[in-house]
Protein backbone atom coordinates (compact mmCIF):
# COMPACT_ATOMS: atom_id res chain seq x y z
CA MET A 1 15.04 8.89 -25.15
CA THR A 2 13.00 12.02 -25.60
CA GLU A 3 11.77 14.41 -22.94
CA ARG A 4 8.25 13.58 -24.08
CA LEU A 5 8.77 9.89 -23.27
CA ALA A 6 10.12 10.67 -19.80
CA ASP A 7 7.15 12.97 -19.15
CA ARG A 8 4.71 10.25 -20.22
CA ILE A 9 6.38 7.67 -18.00
CA ALA A 10 6.31 10.14 -15.10
CA ARG A 11 2.53 10.49 -15.50
CA GLN A 12 2.15 6.72 -15.65
CA ILE A 13 4.23 6.24 -12.50
CA ALA A 14 2.12 8.85 -10.73
CA ASP A 15 -1.03 6.98 -11.82
CA HIS A 16 0.59 3.71 -10.66
CA ILE A 17 1.20 5.19 -7.19
CA ARG A 18 -2.40 6.38 -6.99
CA ILE A 19 -4.04 3.23 -8.38
CA GLU A 20 -1.95 0.87 -6.25
CA GLY A 21 -2.55 2.98 -3.16
CA LEU A 22 1.18 3.28 -2.46
CA GLY A 23 2.13 5.30 0.59
CA GLU A 24 5.12 7.07 2.05
CA GLY A 25 8.19 4.87 2.12
CA ASP A 26 6.99 2.30 -0.45
CA HIS A 27 9.76 1.26 -2.82
CA LEU A 28 9.54 1.97 -6.56
CA ALA A 29 11.67 -0.66 -8.27
CA ALA A 30 12.97 0.80 -11.54
CA GLN A 31 13.16 -2.52 -13.40
CA ALA A 32 9.64 -3.49 -12.34
CA LEU A 33 8.37 -0.14 -13.62
CA ALA A 34 10.28 -0.59 -16.88
CA ASN A 35 8.65 -4.00 -17.32
CA ARG A 36 5.20 -2.60 -16.53
CA PHE A 37 5.46 0.29 -19.01
CA ARG A 38 7.42 -1.68 -21.63
CA VAL A 39 10.40 0.65 -21.81
CA SER A 40 14.07 0.53 -20.84
CA ARG A 41 15.28 1.68 -17.43
CA ALA A 42 16.61 5.00 -18.80
CA PRO A 43 13.25 6.78 -19.26
CA VAL A 44 12.01 5.29 -15.98
CA THR A 45 15.02 6.72 -14.14
CA ALA A 46 14.51 10.09 -15.81
CA ALA A 47 10.82 10.03 -14.87
CA LEU A 48 11.59 9.12 -11.25
CA LYS A 49 14.04 12.02 -11.04
CA ALA A 50 11.34 14.36 -12.37
CA LEU A 51 8.90 13.05 -9.77
CA ALA A 52 11.58 13.53 -7.10
CA ALA A 53 11.94 17.15 -8.18
CA ALA A 54 8.17 17.50 -7.80
CA GLY A 55 8.33 16.04 -4.29
CA ILE A 56 6.27 12.94 -5.11
CA VAL A 57 9.16 10.48 -4.69
CA GLU A 58 12.56 10.68 -3.05
CA ALA A 59 15.90 9.17 -4.04
CA GLN A 60 17.89 7.38 -1.36
CA ALA A 61 21.58 6.74 -1.98
CA ASN A 62 22.33 3.12 -2.92
CA ARG A 63 18.70 2.15 -2.27
CA GLY A 64 16.67 3.62 -5.13
CA PHE A 65 13.46 5.61 -5.22
CA PHE A 66 10.67 5.64 -2.65
CA VAL A 67 7.22 7.24 -2.49
CA ARG A 68 7.23 10.49 -0.57
CA ARG A 69 3.60 11.51 -1.01
CA ALA A 70 0.63 10.61 -3.18
CA PRO A 71 0.22 12.61 -6.42
CA ASP A 72 -2.34 15.40 -6.31
CA ASP A 73 -5.80 14.19 -7.29
CA ALA A 74 -6.00 17.04 -9.79
CA ALA A 75 -2.97 15.68 -11.63
CA ALA A 76 -4.65 12.30 -11.90
CA ALA A 77 -8.06 13.58 -12.96
CA GLY A 78 -9.61 11.85 -15.94
CA GLN A 79 -7.43 8.74 -15.69
CA GLY A 80 -9.94 5.89 -15.82
CA ASP A 81 -12.95 7.18 -13.84
CA ASP A 82 -14.57 9.23 -16.61
CA PRO A 83 -17.76 7.48 -17.87
CA LEU A 84 -16.72 8.53 -21.36
CA TYR A 85 -13.92 5.95 -21.20
CA GLY A 86 -16.43 3.16 -20.56
CA ALA A 87 -18.72 4.46 -23.28
CA ILE A 88 -15.90 4.30 -25.84
CA VAL A 89 -15.04 0.75 -24.71
CA GLU A 90 -18.62 -0.46 -25.16
CA ALA A 91 -19.00 1.33 -28.51
CA ARG A 92 -15.88 -0.41 -29.80
CA LEU A 93 -16.94 -3.83 -28.53
CA SER A 94 -20.40 -3.49 -30.06
CA GLY A 95 -19.01 -2.32 -33.41
CA ALA A 96 -20.81 1.01 -33.17
CA LEU A 97 -17.53 2.93 -33.26
CA PRO A 98 -15.53 2.31 -36.48
CA ASP A 99 -11.78 1.76 -36.69
CA ARG A 100 -11.28 5.37 -37.82
CA ALA A 101 -13.23 8.28 -36.39
CA SER A 102 -12.84 12.03 -36.22
CA GLU A 103 -13.03 13.99 -32.99
CA ASN A 104 -16.12 15.79 -34.29
CA GLU A 105 -17.88 12.47 -34.90
CA MET A 106 -17.04 11.21 -31.42
CA MET A 107 -18.01 14.51 -29.78
CA ARG A 108 -21.46 14.20 -31.37
CA ARG A 109 -21.82 10.50 -30.59
CA PHE A 110 -20.83 10.78 -26.91
CA GLY A 111 -21.97 14.33 -26.18
CA ALA A 112 -18.50 15.30 -24.97
CA THR A 113 -16.46 18.47 -25.25
CA ARG A 114 -13.29 18.35 -27.31
CA ALA A 115 -11.09 18.86 -24.24
CA ARG A 116 -12.73 15.98 -22.37
CA LEU A 117 -12.61 13.70 -25.41
CA GLN A 118 -8.94 14.47 -26.07
CA ARG A 119 -8.07 13.79 -22.42
CA VAL A 120 -9.70 10.35 -22.51
CA LEU A 121 -8.27 9.52 -25.94
CA ALA A 122 -4.80 10.48 -24.68
CA GLN A 123 -5.21 7.92 -21.89
CA ILE A 124 -6.38 5.29 -24.37
CA ALA A 125 -3.38 6.07 -26.61
CA GLU A 126 -1.03 5.46 -23.66
CA GLU A 127 -2.77 2.12 -23.10
CA GLY A 128 -2.00 1.23 -26.70
CA TRP A 129 -5.34 0.74 -28.47
CA VAL A 130 -5.77 3.99 -30.35
CA GLU A 131 -3.42 6.20 -32.38
CA ARG A 132 -3.78 9.83 -33.43
CA LEU A 133 -4.05 10.49 -37.15
CA PRO A 134 -3.04 13.74 -38.89
CA GLY A 135 -5.56 16.46 -38.12
CA HIS A 136 -8.34 15.55 -35.70
CA GLY A 137 -8.72 11.87 -36.57
CA TRP A 138 -8.03 8.75 -34.50
CA MET A 139 -7.48 5.11 -35.47
CA PHE A 140 -8.48 2.33 -33.09
CA LEU A 141 -6.21 -0.70 -33.17
CA ALA A 142 -7.18 -4.35 -33.33
CA THR A 143 -8.67 -5.90 -30.20
CA LEU A 144 -10.58 -9.07 -29.34
CA HIS A 145 -14.31 -8.67 -29.93
CA THR A 146 -15.83 -12.16 -29.65
CA ALA A 147 -16.17 -14.76 -26.92
CA GLU A 148 -14.50 -17.31 -29.23
CA ALA A 149 -11.41 -15.14 -29.68
CA TYR A 150 -11.40 -14.41 -25.95
CA GLU A 151 -11.37 -18.14 -25.18
CA GLN A 152 -8.54 -18.73 -27.65
CA ALA A 153 -6.51 -15.97 -26.02
CA TYR A 154 -6.93 -17.57 -22.60
CA ARG A 155 -5.85 -20.97 -23.89
CA PHE A 156 -2.81 -19.36 -25.50
CA ARG A 157 -1.99 -17.65 -22.20
CA ALA A 158 -2.28 -20.93 -20.31
CA THR A 159 0.27 -22.52 -22.67
CA ILE A 160 2.79 -19.67 -22.73
CA GLU A 161 2.59 -18.61 -19.08
CA THR A 162 2.91 -22.11 -17.64
CA GLU A 163 5.79 -22.93 -19.98
CA ALA A 164 7.51 -19.71 -18.90
CA LEU A 165 7.51 -20.90 -15.29
CA LEU A 166 9.30 -24.09 -16.36
CA GLN A 167 12.17 -22.42 -18.21
CA PRO A 168 15.59 -23.54 -16.91
CA GLY A 169 16.74 -19.97 -16.26
CA TYR A 170 13.63 -18.89 -14.36
CA ARG A 171 14.55 -16.48 -11.57
CA PHE A 172 12.17 -14.26 -9.63
CA VAL A 173 13.24 -10.80 -8.45
CA SER A 174 12.59 -10.44 -4.72
CA ALA A 175 11.73 -6.73 -4.81
CA GLU A 176 9.32 -7.24 -7.70
CA LEU A 177 7.71 -10.24 -6.02
CA GLU A 178 7.09 -8.23 -2.87
CA GLU A 179 5.61 -5.40 -4.94
CA LEU A 180 3.23 -7.84 -6.64
CA ARG A 181 2.27 -9.36 -3.31
CA ALA A 182 1.61 -5.93 -1.80
CA GLY A 183 -0.53 -4.96 -4.78
CA GLN A 184 -2.76 -8.01 -4.37
CA ARG A 185 -3.14 -7.36 -0.66
CA ARG A 186 -4.18 -3.76 -1.32
CA LEU A 187 -6.86 -5.05 -3.67
CA LEU A 188 -8.17 -7.36 -0.95
CA GLU A 189 -8.15 -4.47 1.53
CA GLY A 190 -10.56 -2.39 -0.53
CA GLY A 191 -9.05 -1.79 -3.96
CA ILE A 192 -11.36 -4.30 -5.66
CA ALA A 193 -14.36 -2.14 -4.85
CA SER A 194 -12.76 1.29 -5.21
CA LEU A 195 -10.48 1.15 -8.24
CA PRO A 196 -11.65 1.84 -11.80
CA ARG A 197 -11.73 -1.11 -14.18
CA ALA A 198 -8.64 0.14 -16.00
CA GLY A 199 -6.70 0.14 -12.74
CA LEU A 200 -7.81 -3.38 -11.84
CA TYR A 201 -6.82 -4.64 -15.27
CA GLU A 202 -3.39 -3.00 -15.14
CA ILE A 203 -2.58 -4.53 -11.75
CA ASN A 204 -3.53 -8.08 -12.65
CA ALA A 205 -2.24 -8.08 -16.23
CA GLY A 206 0.99 -6.56 -14.92
CA LEU A 207 1.33 -9.42 -12.42
CA HIS A 208 1.08 -12.05 -15.13
CA GLU A 209 3.51 -10.18 -17.38
CA THR A 210 6.05 -9.97 -14.57
CA LEU A 211 5.78 -13.71 -13.93
CA VAL A 212 6.57 -14.33 -17.60
CA ALA A 213 9.38 -11.74 -17.59
CA TRP A 214 11.17 -13.73 -14.88
CA SER A 215 11.62 -16.55 -17.40
CA GLY A 216 14.20 -14.43 -19.21
CA ASN A 217 12.57 -15.29 -22.55
CA ARG A 218 11.68 -12.04 -24.32
CA PHE A 219 9.63 -13.87 -26.96
CA PHE A 220 7.30 -15.26 -24.30
CA LEU A 221 7.00 -11.80 -22.77
CA ASP A 222 6.34 -10.07 -26.09
CA ALA A 223 3.61 -12.62 -26.88
CA ILE A 224 1.85 -12.18 -23.53
CA ARG A 225 2.03 -8.39 -23.75
CA ARG A 226 0.43 -8.48 -27.20
CA VAL A 227 -2.38 -10.77 -26.03
CA ASN A 228 -2.99 -8.55 -22.99
CA ARG A 229 -3.27 -5.49 -25.21
CA LEU A 230 -5.72 -7.27 -27.51
CA ARG A 231 -7.95 -8.50 -24.67
CA ARG A 232 -8.02 -5.25 -22.69
CA LEU A 233 -11.38 -4.01 -23.97
CA ILE A 234 -13.32 -7.25 -23.80
CA GLU A 235 -11.88 -7.92 -20.35
CA PHE A 236 -13.63 -4.80 -19.06
CA ARG A 237 -16.98 -6.54 -19.42
CA ALA A 238 -15.77 -9.37 -17.21
CA ILE A 239 -14.25 -6.96 -14.68
CA ALA A 240 -17.67 -5.29 -14.35
CA ASP A 241 -18.58 -8.30 -12.18
CA ARG A 242 -16.11 -7.91 -9.30
CA ALA A 243 -17.49 -10.73 -7.15
CA ARG A 244 -14.86 -13.22 -8.28
CA LEU A 245 -11.87 -10.88 -7.94
CA ASP A 246 -11.40 -11.62 -4.24
CA GLN A 247 -10.70 -15.28 -5.04
CA GLN A 248 -8.49 -14.29 -7.97
CA CYS A 249 -6.29 -12.18 -5.68
CA ARG A 250 -5.99 -15.01 -3.16
CA GLU A 251 -4.94 -17.37 -5.94
CA HIS A 252 -2.34 -14.84 -7.12
CA LEU A 253 -0.90 -14.71 -3.60
CA ALA A 254 -0.79 -18.51 -3.41
CA LEU A 255 0.98 -18.63 -6.77
CA LEU A 256 3.58 -16.10 -5.64
CA ASP A 257 4.22 -18.23 -2.54
CA LEU A 258 4.87 -21.31 -4.70
CA ILE A 259 7.28 -19.39 -6.94
CA GLU A 260 9.11 -17.96 -3.95
CA ARG A 261 9.56 -21.49 -2.54
CA GLY A 262 10.85 -22.73 -5.89
CA ASP A 263 8.05 -25.30 -6.39
CA MET A 264 7.93 -24.60 -10.12
CA LEU A 265 6.14 -27.78 -11.26
CA LEU A 266 3.41 -27.18 -8.70
CA ALA A 267 3.34 -23.46 -9.58
CA ALA A 268 2.92 -24.23 -13.29
CA ASP A 269 0.06 -26.65 -12.60
CA PHE A 270 -1.56 -24.13 -10.24
CA LEU A 271 -1.26 -21.36 -12.85
CA ARG A 272 -2.78 -23.54 -15.58
CA ARG A 273 -5.78 -24.30 -13.37
CA HIS A 274 -6.03 -20.64 -12.30
CA ILE A 275 -6.25 -19.44 -15.92
CA GLY A 276 -8.67 -22.24 -16.86
CA GLN A 277 -11.01 -21.48 -13.97
CA ALA A 278 -10.92 -17.76 -14.77
CA LEU A 279 -11.93 -18.54 -18.35
CA ASP A 280 -14.82 -20.75 -17.23
CA GLN A 281 -16.11 -17.99 -14.97
CA LYS A 282 -15.66 -15.09 -17.35
CA VAL A 283 -16.39 -16.32 -20.86
CA GLY A 284 -20.14 -16.08 -20.33
CA LEU A 285 -19.80 -12.47 -19.18
CA VAL A 286 -18.17 -11.35 -22.43
CA GLU A 287 -20.50 -13.07 -24.87
C-alpha cells in the first residue's frame, strides 16, 4: 500500500460522505468501503485514520469509525458538478472525442483551462475510464456506446446478479445492508433531485455490487464491476431523466427487505424483474 493510494481513498471517502449526505454519528463500515472502492481493508483503514486526524471522522474503540462532520465544500469542489464533466461524457458517447487526446486538444475543444481540465480528468481517472499517458496525453478506456450493447449488458447483469442471490453461501452483512437502506432513503428524501449524475450512479451501482459481493463469489463480483465500469458513461444519458428514480429506490428498499428476511427465491425473481423493467424504461433514452 502506498501513501498515494491511502490519500486517494481518503478523498473518495470524503466524497462518499458528501454525496450520501452522511451526518454526525453515521457509521463508516470499513469492509463496505473496501468493496465500494475495490481495494483491501488496509488502505481504507489508513484513509479513515487520516480523515480522523483531519477531524472529519472519529474512531471509537471496538466500534469502528463514525462521521464527525461533513467535509469542507472546498475540498469537494469539482467532483461531479462541473459541466465540463458532462461535456466530456457526451463527446465520448458521440465519438467526437477520440480514444487518445492531448490536454491541449481538449482545452481547445471544451474551452477549459488546464487546471480545470486536469481536475476533471483526475476524477474520471479515479472512476476508471481514462488513464494518463506520458507527457500531457490521456487515453480513454473502452465503454459501452450503443443501445444494443447497453441492452446486452443489462441482460448479462440480470443473469449474474440473480444467480448470485441463489448461491448456497449467500450471507448479507447487517451493517452494510443498513448503509444501503439509508442511502436509498436519503435519495428519496431529496438526493434524487440534488445529487450530480455521477453521485447517483455510484450509489445505485454500489448497491448492486454489494448484493453480488454477499454471494462470496469473487468471479461474479469482478464481472459485475467490469460491466458497471463499461456502462457508466451511457448510463448518464438515462440518469438525465430522474423521473423514474423514485420508483427505482423503492424497489431497492423492497429487495433489501426480501434479502433480510431470507426469501432468496422471491428476491432473485424480484431482482430479475427489477433489472428487466429498468432496461425497458431506459433503453430508449440511450439510443
